[in-house]
Amino acid sequence: MSRKDWLLLLALSVPWGCSFLFFKVLGETLPPLTIALGRVGIAAASLTLALGLAGQSVGGLRSEWRGLLGLGLLNNALPFTLFAWGETMVSSGMAAILNALTPILTVLVLRVVTGSKLGWNKVVGAAVGFGGVVVLVGPGDAGALAGVAACLLAAFSYALSTPVMARMRHLPPILVANGQLIASTLLLLPFAAIIDRPWTLPVPDGATWAALLGLALFSTAVAYVIYFKLVSSAGPANAMLVTYVIPVTALILGNLALGEAITVRALMGMGVILAGLALLDGRLMQRKAKPA
């Protein structure tokens, strides 16, 4: 990864770290499917407008509709709904830490899809990472465990999207971002309409609208433009390294904005998971092995 790639990765960690804060705020007044639909719908509309003003559109990606639907489902619709529901039972910081398992799950998915071999570092890294989940969760009630399971399923959904993203790496990043958001809006719309019936909900207050707009515009529209630019230049596996930084951002924001306690267990669980990620990545060990 180039210096520019690392700067993009650090920039991406901010809006995605904020998304866990926004989910927590919105979960107090809106149901999960409505939150997910609002996130992708507003983001899709804003990117479509921006592309239109620039004289571009996703019309040229018609032949890629299967891939865009796959990304819309696995990269947006499923994980956004699962995180929105999961954070009604766990803290925003814990959700972000569980999200850090995405690269580990991605390696396992790629092993099945592509048949790539797993070196010892990947096997040990995966085992350590899942051990971090055990440390993080510990003994808890059924509600907390259900929230943890939802967040883990969301991370697994992100992992499943990686092979799809790899096949679309050659396409313009902003068009792919807009295309998947339009696809996920179309996928979520009927389910939100039937299950949540959002038109029957109380009119959201100013804080709810602010959180929804922040989630849609900053944590989705802007974030996905950065993300697909990073995927285009560094590849989807390297882009997943952003999950190293997101938990730190989310823990700090959750503590400052929501008063969520940063517990010793959370720090220990995050440390073990990040150690697993470091083993999985292997670059730190290579640097130590090769003198400058």
C-alpha atoms as a PDB file:
ATOM      1  CA  MET A   1       0.000   0.000   0.000  1.00  0.00           C
ATOM      2  CA  SER A   2       1.217   3.466  -0.884  1.00  0.00           C
ATOM      3  CA  ARG A   3       1.237   6.450   1.467  1.00  0.00           C
ATOM      4  CA  LYS A   4      -1.873   7.731  -0.292  1.00  0.00           C
ATOM      5  CA  ASP A   5      -3.619   4.404   0.373  1.00  0.00           C
ATOM      6  CA  TRP A   6      -2.819   4.608   4.085  1.00  0.00           C
ATOM      7  CA  LEU A   7      -4.144   8.186   4.239  1.00  0.00           C
ATOM      8  CA  LEU A   8      -7.362   7.069   2.539  1.00  0.00           C
ATOM      9  CA  LEU A   9      -7.652   4.216   5.029  1.00  0.00           C
ATOM     10  CA  LEU A  10      -7.246   6.547   8.020  1.00  0.00           C
ATOM     11  CA  ALA A  11      -9.731   9.010   6.517  1.00  0.00           C
ATOM     12  CA  LEU A  12     -12.240   6.191   6.018  1.00  0.00           C
ATOM     13  CA  SER A  13     -12.038   5.105   9.651  1.00  0.00           C
ATOM     14  CA  VAL A  14     -13.659   8.375  10.804  1.00  0.00           C
ATOM     15  CA  PRO A  15     -17.038   8.211   9.006  1.00  0.00           C
ATOM     16  CA  TRP A  16     -17.303   4.466   9.549  1.00  0.00           C
ATOM     17  CA  GLY A  17     -16.423   4.852  13.230  1.00  0.00           C
ATOM     18  CA  CYS A  18     -19.171   7.473  13.486  1.00  0.00           C
ATOM     19  CA  SER A  19     -21.702   5.082  11.931  1.00  0.00           C
ATOM     20  CA  PHE A  20     -21.826   2.971  15.113  1.00  0.00           C
ATOM     21  CA  LEU A  21     -22.635   6.109  17.124  1.00  0.00           C
ATOM     22  CA  PHE A  22     -25.401   7.053  14.677  1.00  0.00           C
ATOM     23  CA  PHE A  23     -26.867   3.517  14.797  1.00  0.00           C
ATOM     24  CA  LYS A  24     -27.060   3.713  18.585  1.00  0.00           C
ATOM     25  CA  VAL A  25     -28.845   7.078  18.537  1.00  0.00           C
ATOM     26  CA  LEU A  26     -31.298   6.065  15.818  1.00  0.00           C
ATOM     27  CA  GLY A  27     -32.076   2.731  17.468  1.00  0.00           C
ATOM     28  CA  GLU A  28     -33.865   4.593  20.266  1.00  0.00           C
ATOM     29  CA  THR A  29     -36.591   5.923  17.938  1.00  0.00           C
ATOM     30  CA  LEU A  30     -36.568   3.980  14.638  1.00  0.00           C
ATOM     31  CA  PRO A  31     -36.791   0.238  13.774  1.00  0.00           C
ATOM     32  CA  PRO A  32     -33.787  -1.439  12.098  1.00  0.00           C
ATOM     33  CA  LEU A  33     -35.125  -1.818   8.545  1.00  0.00           C
ATOM     34  CA  THR A  34     -36.208   1.824   8.474  1.00  0.00           C
ATOM     35  CA  ILE A  35     -32.765   2.928   9.673  1.00  0.00           C
ATOM     36  CA  ALA A  36     -31.053   0.843   6.979  1.00  0.00           C
ATOM     37  CA  LEU A  37     -33.447   2.074   4.271  1.00  0.00           C
ATOM     38  CA  GLY A  38     -32.999   5.701   5.304  1.00  0.00           C
ATOM     39  CA  ARG A  39     -29.231   5.283   5.269  1.00  0.00           C
ATOM     40  CA  VAL A  40     -28.959   3.817   1.773  1.00  0.00           C
ATOM     41  CA  GLY A  41     -31.872   5.756   0.274  1.00  0.00           C
ATOM     42  CA  ILE A  42     -30.609   9.205   1.233  1.00  0.00           C
ATOM     43  CA  ALA A  43     -27.039   8.267   0.317  1.00  0.00           C
ATOM     44  CA  ALA A  44     -28.139   6.912  -3.077  1.00  0.00           C
ATOM     45  CA  ALA A  45     -30.133  10.065  -3.828  1.00  0.00           C
ATOM     46  CA  SER A  46     -27.235  12.348  -2.879  1.00  0.00           C
ATOM     47  CA  LEU A  47     -24.688  10.439  -4.994  1.00  0.00           C
ATOM     48  CA  THR A  48     -27.109  10.256  -7.943  1.00  0.00           C
ATOM     49  CA  LEU A  49     -27.570  14.031  -7.754  1.00  0.00           C
ATOM     50  CA  ALA A  50     -23.820  14.637  -7.498  1.00  0.00           C
ATOM     51  CA  LEU A  51     -23.146  12.377 -10.476  1.00  0.00           C
ATOM     52  CA  GLY A  52     -25.896  14.044 -12.483  1.00  0.00           C
ATOM     53  CA  LEU A  53     -24.394  17.490 -11.867  1.00  0.00           C
ATOM     54  CA  ALA A  54     -21.051  16.088 -13.046  1.00  0.00           C
ATOM     55  CA  GLY A  55     -22.645  14.644 -16.190  1.00  0.00           C
ATOM     56  CA  GLN A  56     -22.258  11.006 -15.080  1.00  0.00           C
ATOM     57  CA  SER A  57     -24.665   8.193 -14.229  1.00  0.00           C
ATOM     58  CA  VAL A  58     -24.729   4.497 -13.349  1.00  0.00           C
ATOM     59  CA  GLY A  59     -26.435   3.754 -16.660  1.00  0.00           C
ATOM     60  CA  GLY A  60     -23.169   2.472 -18.039  1.00  0.00           C
ATOM     61  CA  LEU A  61     -23.123  -0.288 -15.399  1.00  0.00           C
ATOM     62  CA  ARG A  62     -26.306  -2.019 -16.626  1.00  0.00           C
ATOM     63  CA  SER A  63     -24.315  -5.114 -17.562  1.00  0.00           C
ATOM     64  CA  GLU A  64     -23.049  -5.292 -13.956  1.00  0.00           C
ATOM     65  CA  TRP A  65     -26.504  -5.413 -12.346  1.00  0.00           C
ATOM     66  CA  ARG A  66     -25.957  -8.861 -10.803  1.00  0.00           C
ATOM     67  CA  GLY A  67     -22.769  -7.730  -9.102  1.00  0.00           C
ATOM     68  CA  LEU A  68     -24.395  -4.508  -7.903  1.00  0.00           C
ATOM     69  CA  LEU A  69     -27.330  -6.435  -6.445  1.00  0.00           C
ATOM     70  CA  GLY A  70     -24.869  -8.745  -4.710  1.00  0.00           C
ATOM     71  CA  LEU A  71     -22.987  -5.791  -3.237  1.00  0.00           C
ATOM     72  CA  GLY A  72     -26.237  -4.070  -2.309  1.00  0.00           C
ATOM     73  CA  LEU A  73     -27.369  -7.140  -0.392  1.00  0.00           C
ATOM     74  CA  LEU A  74     -24.100  -8.234   1.235  1.00  0.00           C
ATOM     75  CA  ASN A  75     -22.361  -4.888   1.698  1.00  0.00           C
ATOM     76  CA  ASN A  76     -25.385  -2.730   2.633  1.00  0.00           C
ATOM     77  CA  ALA A  77     -28.832  -4.199   3.181  1.00  0.00           C
ATOM     78  CA  LEU A  78     -27.962  -7.155   5.428  1.00  0.00           C
ATOM     79  CA  PRO A  79     -25.118  -5.713   7.546  1.00  0.00           C
ATOM     80  CA  PHE A  80     -26.755  -2.296   8.033  1.00  0.00           C
ATOM     81  CA  THR A  81     -29.979  -3.918   9.247  1.00  0.00           C
ATOM     82  CA  LEU A  82     -28.106  -6.360  11.489  1.00  0.00           C
ATOM     83  CA  PHE A  83     -25.950  -3.664  13.080  1.00  0.00           C
ATOM     84  CA  ALA A  84     -28.977  -1.404  13.621  1.00  0.00           C
ATOM     85  CA  TRP A  85     -30.758  -4.269  15.386  1.00  0.00           C
ATOM     86  CA  GLY A  86     -27.677  -5.547  17.211  1.00  0.00           C
ATOM     87  CA  GLU A  87     -26.898  -2.146  18.713  1.00  0.00           C
ATOM     88  CA  THR A  88     -30.249  -2.137  20.499  1.00  0.00           C
ATOM     89  CA  MET A  89     -28.665  -4.836  22.695  1.00  0.00           C
ATOM     90  CA  VAL A  90     -24.925  -4.042  22.754  1.00  0.00           C
ATOM     91  CA  SER A  91     -22.890  -0.846  22.941  1.00  0.00           C
ATOM     92  CA  SER A  92     -21.663   0.970  19.855  1.00  0.00           C
ATOM     93  CA  GLY A  93     -18.066   0.256  20.896  1.00  0.00           C
ATOM     94  CA  MET A  94     -18.665  -3.486  21.197  1.00  0.00           C
ATOM     95  CA  ALA A  95     -20.366  -3.543  17.777  1.00  0.00           C
ATOM     96  CA  ALA A  96     -17.331  -1.827  16.231  1.00  0.00           C
ATOM     97  CA  ILE A  97     -14.933  -4.269  17.897  1.00  0.00           C
ATOM     98  CA  LEU A  98     -16.937  -7.237  16.567  1.00  0.00           C
ATOM     99  CA  ASN A  99     -16.856  -5.607  13.139  1.00  0.00           C
ATOM    100  CA  ALA A 100     -13.059  -5.885  13.316  1.00  0.00           C
ATOM    101  CA  LEU A 101     -13.442  -9.624  12.689  1.00  0.00           C
ATOM    102  CA  THR A 102     -14.336  -8.851   9.054  1.00  0.00           C
ATOM    103  CA  PRO A 103     -10.791  -9.428   7.667  1.00  0.00           C
ATOM    104  CA  ILE A 104     -10.526 -12.761   9.502  1.00  0.00           C
ATOM    105  CA  LEU A 105     -13.874 -13.881   8.122  1.00  0.00           C
ATOM    106  CA  THR A 106     -12.827 -12.586   4.693  1.00  0.00           C
ATOM    107  CA  VAL A 107      -9.760 -14.849   4.683  1.00  0.00           C
ATOM    108  CA  LEU A 108     -11.962 -17.851   5.507  1.00  0.00           C
ATOM    109  CA  VAL A 109     -14.470 -16.909   2.790  1.00  0.00           C
ATOM    110  CA  LEU A 110     -11.707 -16.513   0.199  1.00  0.00           C
ATOM    111  CA  ARG A 111     -10.323 -19.915   1.243  1.00  0.00           C
ATOM    112  CA  VAL A 112     -13.669 -21.505   0.336  1.00  0.00           C
ATOM    113  CA  VAL A 113     -14.347 -19.425  -2.797  1.00  0.00           C
ATOM    114  CA  THR A 114     -10.892 -19.365  -4.385  1.00  0.00           C
ATOM    115  CA  GLY A 115      -9.236 -22.349  -2.726  1.00  0.00           C
ATOM    116  CA  SER A 116      -6.355 -20.181  -1.529  1.00  0.00           C
ATOM    117  CA  LYS A 117      -4.085 -21.842   0.997  1.00  0.00           C
ATOM    118  CA  LEU A 118      -4.046 -20.770   4.633  1.00  0.00           C
ATOM    119  CA  GLY A 119      -0.565 -20.271   6.071  1.00  0.00           C
ATOM    120  CA  TRP A 120       0.095 -20.910   9.732  1.00  0.00           C
ATOM    121  CA  ASN A 121      -0.163 -17.198  10.489  1.00  0.00           C
ATOM    122  CA  LYS A 122      -3.696 -17.052   9.062  1.00  0.00           C
ATOM    123  CA  VAL A 123      -4.840 -20.106  10.984  1.00  0.00           C
ATOM    124  CA  VAL A 124      -3.357 -18.833  14.254  1.00  0.00           C
ATOM    125  CA  GLY A 125      -4.583 -15.284  13.543  1.00  0.00           C
ATOM    126  CA  ALA A 126      -8.150 -16.509  12.984  1.00  0.00           C
ATOM    127  CA  ALA A 127      -8.059 -18.574  16.180  1.00  0.00           C
ATOM    128  CA  VAL A 128      -6.716 -15.646  18.206  1.00  0.00           C
ATOM    129  CA  GLY A 129      -9.293 -13.296  16.697  1.00  0.00           C
ATOM    130  CA  PHE A 130     -12.204 -15.518  17.663  1.00  0.00           C
ATOM    131  CA  GLY A 131     -10.627 -15.938  21.083  1.00  0.00           C
ATOM    132  CA  GLY A 132     -10.910 -12.151  21.373  1.00  0.00           C
ATOM    133  CA  VAL A 133     -14.671 -12.436  20.898  1.00  0.00           C
ATOM    134  CA  VAL A 134     -14.827 -14.830  23.849  1.00  0.00           C
ATOM    135  CA  VAL A 135     -12.845 -12.357  25.975  1.00  0.00           C
ATOM    136  CA  LEU A 136     -14.980  -9.442  24.782  1.00  0.00           C
ATOM    137  CA  VAL A 137     -18.371 -11.014  25.391  1.00  0.00           C
ATOM    138  CA  GLY A 138     -17.785 -13.173  28.467  1.00  0.00           C
ATOM    139  CA  PRO A 139     -20.823 -14.290  30.452  1.00  0.00           C
ATOM    140  CA  GLY A 140     -23.864 -12.229  29.522  1.00  0.00           C
ATOM    141  CA  ASP A 141     -27.621 -12.335  29.195  1.00  0.00           C
ATOM    142  CA  ALA A 142     -29.467 -13.723  26.189  1.00  0.00           C
ATOM    143  CA  GLY A 143     -30.192 -10.250  24.830  1.00  0.00           C
ATOM    144  CA  ALA A 144     -26.527  -9.298  24.729  1.00  0.00           C
ATOM    145  CA  LEU A 145     -25.628 -12.597  23.070  1.00  0.00           C
ATOM    146  CA  ALA A 146     -28.298 -12.005  20.415  1.00  0.00           C
ATOM    147  CA  GLY A 147     -26.797  -8.562  19.736  1.00  0.00           C
ATOM    148  CA  VAL A 148     -23.318 -10.065  19.470  1.00  0.00           C
ATOM    149  CA  ALA A 149     -24.611 -12.714  17.039  1.00  0.00           C
ATOM    150  CA  ALA A 150     -26.235 -10.011  14.890  1.00  0.00           C
ATOM    151  CA  CYS A 151     -22.974  -8.029  14.715  1.00  0.00           C
ATOM    152  CA  LEU A 152     -20.986 -11.162  13.851  1.00  0.00           C
ATOM    153  CA  LEU A 153     -23.441 -12.001  11.061  1.00  0.00           C
ATOM    154  CA  ALA A 154     -23.061  -8.446   9.756  1.00  0.00           C
ATOM    155  CA  ALA A 155     -19.267  -8.853   9.672  1.00  0.00           C
ATOM    156  CA  PHE A 156     -19.691 -12.186   7.883  1.00  0.00           C
ATOM    157  CA  SER A 157     -21.919 -10.488   5.297  1.00  0.00           C
ATOM    158  CA  TYR A 158     -19.175  -7.919   4.640  1.00  0.00           C
ATOM    159  CA  ALA A 159     -16.720 -10.794   4.202  1.00  0.00           C
ATOM    160  CA  LEU A 160     -18.988 -12.501   1.663  1.00  0.00           C
ATOM    161  CA  SER A 161     -19.041  -9.314  -0.420  1.00  0.00           C
ATOM    162  CA  THR A 162     -15.259  -9.316  -0.914  1.00  0.00           C
ATOM    163  CA  PRO A 163     -15.125 -11.669  -3.929  1.00  0.00           C
ATOM    164  CA  VAL A 164     -17.859  -9.607  -5.597  1.00  0.00           C
ATOM    165  CA  MET A 165     -15.929  -6.381  -5.022  1.00  0.00           C
ATOM    166  CA  ALA A 166     -12.772  -7.936  -6.416  1.00  0.00           C
ATOM    167  CA  ARG A 167     -14.540  -8.624  -9.709  1.00  0.00           C
ATOM    168  CA  MET A 168     -15.693  -4.992  -9.946  1.00  0.00           C
ATOM    169  CA  ARG A 169     -12.358  -3.415  -9.025  1.00  0.00           C
ATOM    170  CA  HIS A 170     -11.776  -2.116 -12.577  1.00  0.00           C
ATOM    171  CA  LEU A 171     -14.927   0.054 -12.568  1.00  0.00           C
ATOM    172  CA  PRO A 172     -15.079   3.747 -11.499  1.00  0.00           C
ATOM    173  CA  PRO A 173     -15.332   3.790  -7.668  1.00  0.00           C
ATOM    174  CA  ILE A 174     -18.055   6.425  -7.379  1.00  0.00           C
ATOM    175  CA  LEU A 175     -20.265   4.629  -9.913  1.00  0.00           C
ATOM    176  CA  VAL A 176     -19.948   1.325  -8.065  1.00  0.00           C
ATOM    177  CA  ALA A 177     -20.720   3.077  -4.785  1.00  0.00           C
ATOM    178  CA  ASN A 178     -23.841   4.681  -6.247  1.00  0.00           C
ATOM    179  CA  GLY A 179     -24.902   1.494  -8.018  1.00  0.00           C
ATOM    180  CA  GLN A 180     -24.754  -0.647  -4.882  1.00  0.00           C
ATOM    181  CA  LEU A 181     -26.637   1.980  -2.864  1.00  0.00           C
ATOM    182  CA  ILE A 182     -29.428   2.116  -5.450  1.00  0.00           C
ATOM    183  CA  ALA A 183     -29.554  -1.694  -5.456  1.00  0.00           C
ATOM    184  CA  SER A 184     -29.734  -1.909  -1.659  1.00  0.00           C
ATOM    185  CA  THR A 185     -32.473   0.750  -1.576  1.00  0.00           C
ATOM    186  CA  LEU A 186     -34.583  -1.326  -3.975  1.00  0.00           C
ATOM    187  CA  LEU A 187     -33.917  -4.473  -1.920  1.00  0.00           C
ATOM    188  CA  LEU A 188     -34.829  -2.896   1.434  1.00  0.00           C
ATOM    189  CA  LEU A 189     -37.853  -0.874   0.332  1.00  0.00           C
ATOM    190  CA  PRO A 190     -40.470  -3.669   0.216  1.00  0.00           C
ATOM    191  CA  PHE A 191     -39.296  -5.248   3.494  1.00  0.00           C
ATOM    192  CA  ALA A 192     -39.313  -1.922   5.365  1.00  0.00           C
ATOM    193  CA  ALA A 193     -42.738  -1.089   3.928  1.00  0.00           C
ATOM    194  CA  ILE A 194     -44.283  -4.429   4.935  1.00  0.00           C
ATOM    195  CA  ILE A 195     -42.575  -4.956   8.307  1.00  0.00           C
ATOM    196  CA  ASP A 196     -41.901  -1.474   9.729  1.00  0.00           C
ATOM    197  CA  ARG A 197     -44.587   0.553   7.897  1.00  0.00           C
ATOM    198  CA  PRO A 198     -42.494   3.712   8.448  1.00  0.00           C
ATOM    199  CA  TRP A 199     -45.357   6.067   7.521  1.00  0.00           C
ATOM    200  CA  THR A 200     -47.119   4.990  10.748  1.00  0.00           C
ATOM    201  CA  LEU A 201     -44.150   5.904  12.975  1.00  0.00           C
ATOM    202  CA  PRO A 202     -44.029   9.164  14.960  1.00  0.00           C
ATOM    203  CA  VAL A 203     -42.424  12.075  13.113  1.00  0.00           C
ATOM    204  CA  PRO A 204     -38.684  12.027  13.983  1.00  0.00           C
ATOM    205  CA  ASP A 205     -37.297  14.905  16.045  1.00  0.00           C
ATOM    206  CA  GLY A 206     -34.331  17.071  15.083  1.00  0.00           C
ATOM    207  CA  ALA A 207     -31.736  14.830  16.761  1.00  0.00           C
ATOM    208  CA  THR A 208     -33.026  11.778  14.900  1.00  0.00           C
ATOM    209  CA  TRP A 209     -32.931  13.571  11.539  1.00  0.00           C
ATOM    210  CA  ALA A 210     -29.412  14.845  12.266  1.00  0.00           C
ATOM    211  CA  ALA A 211     -28.204  11.321  13.095  1.00  0.00           C
ATOM    212  CA  LEU A 212     -29.902   9.863  10.001  1.00  0.00           C
ATOM    213  CA  LEU A 213     -28.418  12.507   7.695  1.00  0.00           C
ATOM    214  CA  GLY A 214     -24.998  12.040   9.291  1.00  0.00           C
ATOM    215  CA  LEU A 215     -25.284   8.269   8.813  1.00  0.00           C
ATOM    216  CA  ALA A 216     -26.453   8.576   5.196  1.00  0.00           C
ATOM    217  CA  LEU A 217     -24.301  11.424   3.907  1.00  0.00           C
ATOM    218  CA  PHE A 218     -21.100  11.280   5.957  1.00  0.00           C
ATOM    219  CA  SER A 219     -20.897   7.618   6.998  1.00  0.00           C
ATOM    220  CA  THR A 220     -22.244   6.212   3.729  1.00  0.00           C
ATOM    221  CA  ALA A 221     -22.104   8.467   0.657  1.00  0.00           C
ATOM    222  CA  VAL A 222     -18.753  10.073   1.471  1.00  0.00           C
ATOM    223  CA  ALA A 223     -17.362   6.908   3.081  1.00  0.00           C
ATOM    224  CA  TYR A 224     -18.157   4.658   0.122  1.00  0.00           C
ATOM    225  CA  VAL A 225     -16.533   7.010  -2.357  1.00  0.00           C
ATOM    226  CA  ILE A 226     -13.357   6.815  -0.238  1.00  0.00           C
ATOM    227  CA  TYR A 227     -13.740   3.068   0.226  1.00  0.00           C
ATOM    228  CA  PHE A 228     -14.137   2.129  -3.425  1.00  0.00           C
ATOM    229  CA  LYS A 229     -11.273   4.447  -4.318  1.00  0.00           C
ATOM    230  CA  LEU A 230      -9.170   2.522  -1.798  1.00  0.00           C
ATOM    231  CA  VAL A 231     -10.396  -0.820  -3.184  1.00  0.00           C
ATOM    232  CA  SER A 232      -9.490   0.331  -6.696  1.00  0.00           C
ATOM    233  CA  SER A 233      -5.928   1.294  -5.744  1.00  0.00           C
ATOM    234  CA  ALA A 234      -5.067  -1.164  -2.965  1.00  0.00           C
ATOM    235  CA  GLY A 235      -7.479  -4.075  -3.413  1.00  0.00           C
ATOM    236  CA  PRO A 236     -10.418  -5.236  -1.250  1.00  0.00           C
ATOM    237  CA  ALA A 237      -8.289  -7.250   1.198  1.00  0.00           C
ATOM    238  CA  ASN A 238      -6.094  -4.235   2.020  1.00  0.00           C
ATOM    239  CA  ALA A 239      -9.164  -2.003   2.265  1.00  0.00           C
ATOM    240  CA  MET A 240     -10.473  -4.296   5.014  1.00  0.00           C
ATOM    241  CA  LEU A 241      -7.531  -3.181   7.190  1.00  0.00           C
ATOM    242  CA  VAL A 242      -9.624  -0.129   8.066  1.00  0.00           C
ATOM    243  CA  THR A 243     -11.204  -2.367  10.707  1.00  0.00           C
ATOM    244  CA  TYR A 244      -7.976  -1.993  12.725  1.00  0.00           C
ATOM    245  CA  VAL A 245      -8.804   1.659  13.363  1.00  0.00           C
ATOM    246  CA  ILE A 246     -12.618   1.771  13.458  1.00  0.00           C
ATOM    247  CA  PRO A 247     -12.983   0.249  16.974  1.00  0.00           C
ATOM    248  CA  VAL A 248     -10.732   2.909  18.486  1.00  0.00           C
ATOM    249  CA  THR A 249     -12.755   5.696  16.853  1.00  0.00           C
ATOM    250  CA  ALA A 250     -16.069   4.119  17.873  1.00  0.00           C
ATOM    251  CA  LEU A 251     -15.002   3.511  21.491  1.00  0.00           C
ATOM    252  CA  ILE A 252     -13.912   7.132  21.904  1.00  0.00           C
ATOM    253  CA  LEU A 253     -17.066   8.515  20.268  1.00  0.00           C
ATOM    254  CA  GLY A 254     -19.320   6.214  22.283  1.00  0.00           C
ATOM    255  CA  ASN A 255     -17.666   7.340  25.499  1.00  0.00           C
ATOM    256  CA  LEU A 256     -17.713  11.066  24.699  1.00  0.00           C
ATOM    257  CA  ALA A 257     -21.130  11.340  23.047  1.00  0.00           C
ATOM    258  CA  LEU A 258     -23.150   8.564  24.713  1.00  0.00           C
ATOM    259  CA  GLY A 259     -21.341   8.063  28.017  1.00  0.00           C
ATOM    260  CA  GLU A 260     -20.605   4.410  27.215  1.00  0.00           C
ATOM    261  CA  ALA A 261     -18.005   3.020  29.602  1.00  0.00           C
ATOM    262  CA  ILE A 262     -14.749   1.774  28.085  1.00  0.00           C
ATOM    263  CA  THR A 263     -14.401  -1.377  30.153  1.00  0.00           C
ATOM    264  CA  VAL A 264     -11.277  -3.422  30.776  1.00  0.00           C
ATOM    265  CA  ARG A 265     -12.976  -6.379  29.076  1.00  0.00           C
ATOM    266  CA  ALA A 266     -13.665  -4.289  25.963  1.00  0.00           C
ATOM    267  CA  LEU A 267     -10.030  -3.182  25.779  1.00  0.00           C
ATOM    268  CA  MET A 268      -8.774  -6.728  26.347  1.00  0.00           C
ATOM    269  CA  GLY A 269     -11.142  -8.158  23.731  1.00  0.00           C
ATOM    270  CA  MET A 270     -10.168  -5.482  21.224  1.00  0.00           C
ATOM    271  CA  GLY A 271      -6.483  -6.092  21.920  1.00  0.00           C
ATOM    272  CA  VAL A 272      -6.785  -9.843  21.346  1.00  0.00           C
ATOM    273  CA  ILE A 273      -8.786  -9.361  18.128  1.00  0.00           C
ATOM    274  CA  LEU A 274      -6.278  -6.815  16.796  1.00  0.00           C
ATOM    275  CA  ALA A 275      -3.442  -9.201  17.687  1.00  0.00           C
ATOM    276  CA  GLY A 276      -5.212 -11.830  15.605  1.00  0.00           C
ATOM    277  CA  LEU A 277      -5.493  -9.358  12.753  1.00  0.00           C
ATOM    278  CA  ALA A 278      -1.786  -8.558  13.002  1.00  0.00           C
ATOM    279  CA  LEU A 279      -0.919 -12.265  12.795  1.00  0.00           C
ATOM    280  CA  LEU A 280      -3.326 -12.679   9.895  1.00  0.00           C
ATOM    281  CA  ASP A 281      -1.842  -9.755   7.980  1.00  0.00           C
ATOM    282  CA  GLY A 282       1.744 -10.877   8.543  1.00  0.00           C
ATOM    283  CA  ARG A 283       3.376  -7.594   7.523  1.00  0.00           C
ATOM    284  CA  LEU A 284       4.512  -6.659  11.020  1.00  0.00           C
ATOM    285  CA  MET A 285       6.379  -9.962  11.371  1.00  0.00           C
ATOM    286  CA  GLN A 286       7.946  -9.520   7.940  1.00  0.00           C
ATOM    287  CA  ARG A 287       9.227  -6.095   8.911  1.00  0.00           C
ATOM    288  CA  LYS A 288      10.802  -7.477  12.050  1.00  0.00           C
ATOM    289  CA  ALA A 289      12.385 -10.317  10.106  1.00  0.00           C
ATOM    290  CA  LYS A 290      13.903  -8.066   7.447  1.00  0.00           C
ATOM    291  CA  PRO A 291      16.270  -5.361   8.748  1.00  0.00           C
ATOM    292  CA  ALA A 292      16.041  -1.994   7.050  1.00  0.00           C
END
